[in-house]
Every structure is written in structure tokens, then in C-alpha cells.
Protein backbone atom coordinates (compact mmCIF):
# COMPACT_ATOMS: atom_id res chain seq x y z
CA MET A 1 88.64 290.82 -8.88
CA VAL A 2 90.44 287.86 -10.70
CA GLY A 3 89.96 285.82 -7.63
CA ASN A 4 86.36 285.95 -7.48
CA MET A 5 86.55 285.26 -11.54
CA MET A 6 88.26 282.51 -10.44
CA THR A 7 85.44 281.02 -7.87
CA ILE A 8 82.38 281.70 -10.28
CA ASN A 9 83.78 279.76 -13.11
CA GLN A 10 84.79 276.16 -10.95
CA PRO A 11 81.38 274.70 -9.59
CA ALA A 12 81.16 274.27 -5.89
CA THR A 13 82.61 270.53 -4.74
CA GLY A 14 79.43 270.27 -2.50
CA ASN A 15 77.75 269.95 -5.81
CA ARG A 16 79.92 267.89 -7.63
CA GLN A 17 80.22 265.58 -4.91
CA GLN A 18 75.63 265.53 -5.18
CA LYS A 19 76.27 264.72 -8.98
CA ASP A 20 78.70 261.79 -8.50
CA GLY A 21 76.71 260.52 -5.63
CA ALA A 22 73.57 260.89 -8.28
CA ARG A 23 75.10 258.97 -10.78
CA GLN A 24 76.33 256.31 -8.54
CA HIS A 25 72.53 256.17 -7.06
CA PHE A 26 71.36 255.77 -10.95
CA ALA A 27 74.00 253.26 -11.66
CA VAL A 28 73.47 250.74 -8.57
CA ARG A 29 69.67 251.22 -9.31
CA CYS A 30 70.06 250.26 -13.13
CA PHE A 31 72.25 247.41 -12.28
CA VAL A 32 69.65 246.28 -9.76
CA ILE A 33 66.88 246.23 -12.82
CA PHE A 34 68.41 244.67 -15.14
CA THR A 35 69.91 241.71 -12.90
CA PHE A 36 65.86 241.05 -11.95
CA LEU A 37 65.02 240.98 -15.57
CA PHE A 38 67.09 238.95 -17.20
CA SER A 39 68.51 236.40 -14.40
CA PRO A 40 64.95 234.87 -15.40
CA LEU A 41 65.89 234.78 -19.10
CA ALA A 42 68.89 232.98 -17.98
CA CYS A 43 67.68 230.53 -15.75
CA ALA A 44 65.56 229.66 -18.87
CA ALA A 45 68.34 229.52 -21.83
CA GLU A 46 69.79 226.65 -19.40
CA ALA A 47 66.81 224.59 -19.88
CA LEU A 48 67.27 224.81 -23.61
CA GLN A 49 69.57 222.58 -25.35
CA ASP A 50 72.05 223.79 -27.84
CA PRO A 51 70.84 222.46 -31.11
CA THR A 52 75.10 222.49 -32.47
CA ARG A 53 76.10 220.48 -29.28
CA PRO A 54 77.90 217.44 -30.63
CA PRO A 55 76.47 214.05 -29.82
CA ALA A 56 76.85 212.76 -26.24
CA VAL A 57 78.07 209.60 -28.04
CA LEU A 58 81.13 211.31 -28.75
CA SER A 59 81.95 212.62 -25.28
CA MET A 60 81.33 208.90 -23.69
CA PRO A 61 84.17 207.32 -22.14
CA GLN A 62 85.28 204.29 -24.18
CA GLY A 63 82.44 201.64 -24.74
CA GLY A 64 79.95 203.48 -23.95
CA ALA A 65 78.98 204.43 -28.04
CA GLU A 66 78.65 200.72 -28.53
CA ALA A 67 76.44 200.31 -25.87
CA LEU A 68 73.92 203.14 -27.55
CA ALA A 69 74.69 201.45 -30.95
CA PRO A 70 71.47 200.11 -32.95
CA LYS A 71 71.27 196.41 -33.10
CA GLY A 72 71.29 194.72 -36.74
CA PRO A 73 70.89 196.85 -40.03
CA GLN A 74 70.20 200.15 -40.11
CA LEU A 75 68.85 202.30 -42.84
CA GLN A 76 71.03 205.00 -43.55
CA SER A 77 69.84 206.52 -46.84
CA VAL A 78 67.51 206.30 -49.73
CA ARG A 79 67.54 207.45 -53.10
CA ILE A 80 64.83 206.90 -55.78
CA SER A 81 65.42 208.01 -59.10
CA THR A 82 63.07 207.91 -62.00
CA HIS A 83 65.09 204.46 -63.70
CA GLN A 84 66.03 203.13 -60.31
CA ARG A 85 65.52 202.80 -56.61
CA SER A 86 68.49 202.12 -54.11
CA ALA A 87 69.14 202.42 -50.60
CA ILE A 88 72.20 202.13 -47.78
CA ILE A 89 72.10 199.32 -45.38
CA SER A 90 74.79 199.33 -42.71
CA GLY A 91 77.14 201.02 -45.44
CA GLN A 92 76.34 198.30 -48.36
CA ARG A 93 74.34 199.70 -51.51
CA VAL A 94 71.21 198.02 -52.06
CA LYS A 95 68.31 197.51 -54.96
CA VAL A 96 65.26 195.91 -55.03
CA GLY A 97 66.01 192.13 -55.85
CA ASP A 98 69.49 192.18 -53.93
CA ARG A 99 70.58 190.30 -51.11
CA PHE A 100 71.59 191.93 -47.70
CA GLY A 101 73.11 188.61 -45.51
CA ASP A 102 70.69 186.05 -45.95
CA THR A 103 67.68 188.69 -46.87
CA LYS A 104 66.27 189.74 -49.87
CA VAL A 105 65.37 193.28 -50.91
CA VAL A 106 61.72 192.96 -51.79
CA MET A 107 61.13 196.86 -52.04
CA ILE A 108 62.38 200.40 -51.28
CA THR A 109 60.22 203.80 -50.34
CA GLU A 110 60.81 207.17 -49.42
CA ASN A 111 61.17 206.20 -45.58
CA GLU A 112 62.12 202.52 -45.29
CA VAL A 113 63.26 199.23 -46.83
CA VAL A 114 61.29 195.99 -46.46
CA LEU A 115 63.75 192.71 -46.19
CA LYS A 116 62.49 189.25 -46.60
CA GLY A 117 64.20 186.51 -45.11
CA SER A 118 63.87 182.96 -43.43
CA SER A 119 62.47 184.48 -40.14
CA GLY A 120 59.57 186.77 -42.10
CA MET A 121 59.89 190.34 -43.45
CA GLN A 122 61.63 193.22 -41.66
CA THR A 123 61.25 196.70 -42.07
CA LEU A 124 64.32 199.30 -42.15
CA LYS A 125 63.19 202.49 -41.16
CA LEU A 126 65.03 205.57 -42.24
CA PHE A 127 64.11 207.68 -39.06
CA PRO A 128 63.11 205.14 -36.69
CA ASP A 129 62.15 207.40 -33.79
CA VAL A 130 59.84 210.11 -35.95
CA GLY A 131 56.00 208.74 -36.33
CA LYS A 132 53.86 209.73 -38.82
CA ARG A 133 49.97 210.38 -37.40
CA ILE A 134 46.92 211.51 -39.50
CA ILE A 135 45.38 214.54 -37.73
CA MET A 136 41.56 214.85 -38.40
CA ARG A 137 40.24 218.12 -38.20
CA ARG A 138 36.73 218.65 -37.23
CA GLN A 139 34.23 220.78 -39.05
CA HIS A 140 32.56 223.21 -37.43
CA PRO A 141 28.39 223.71 -38.08
CA GLU A 142 28.77 226.91 -39.10
CA HIS A 143 31.35 225.98 -42.56
């Protein structure tokens, strides 16, 4: 009788093997499904640029950064208060009327500084690669 009780309480080895096989099959199916679902996302992520990545100039060999450096004076910042306008051009702080090299500062706005020299007017932009465009919206006839 004790022998019969032990066989009743213990699962059959064939049944356990079937369950293990079913779990393994399920795990393989899940792996395949997730691989197909997330592989396009991984490819798309490779095309995106990391915004926290340091500039390429820092990883260039010596002499490469000088080739990319802007030629001539560079507007670095602008400060406008109620009493005074000033700017920093190539590390030098200037105000309207000050001299910068062989030019004179004639105007300072939020985005640019205008210099006047013997060769004419020169405009330094704070964000030279950014262009401003005015977009006109069309009015629909029903409005």
C-alpha cells in the first residue's frame, strides 16, 4: 500500500518530460518573436545620432581641429540690458562704439554684431548655421 501511495504522489516521468519540452518550445518561440520585433528598432537606433556625444573635433587627430575652426572673428555671446549692449567676439568683450582690431562696433542685436571697417560692413552672427524664414499661412476660403 505504501508503494502505491508513492506512485500516486510522484508525477509520471513521461508527463514531466512533455511539460519541460513544452516550456522549452515556448521559450524558443518567444525568443524568435522578440528578435523579429525588436531587430528593426535596433537598426533604426543605429541611424540616430547621440545628442550627448562629444563633438567630432575632440576625437580628431592633431591638426584636424584647426582645419574646422572658423576663419576670422567669431561672435560668442551677446548681452543686452536696459543700460548697455555688449558682446564677446573671439574672447574680447566689446560695446557699441568700441574698436575690434581695425573695425568699429556699430550695432549689437540679439543675434548679431555689425562691424564697420575699411573694407566695409561685416556682420557676425551668433548662430551662423541657423537661418530664419517667415512662413506665410494660406487662408482657407471658409475662414
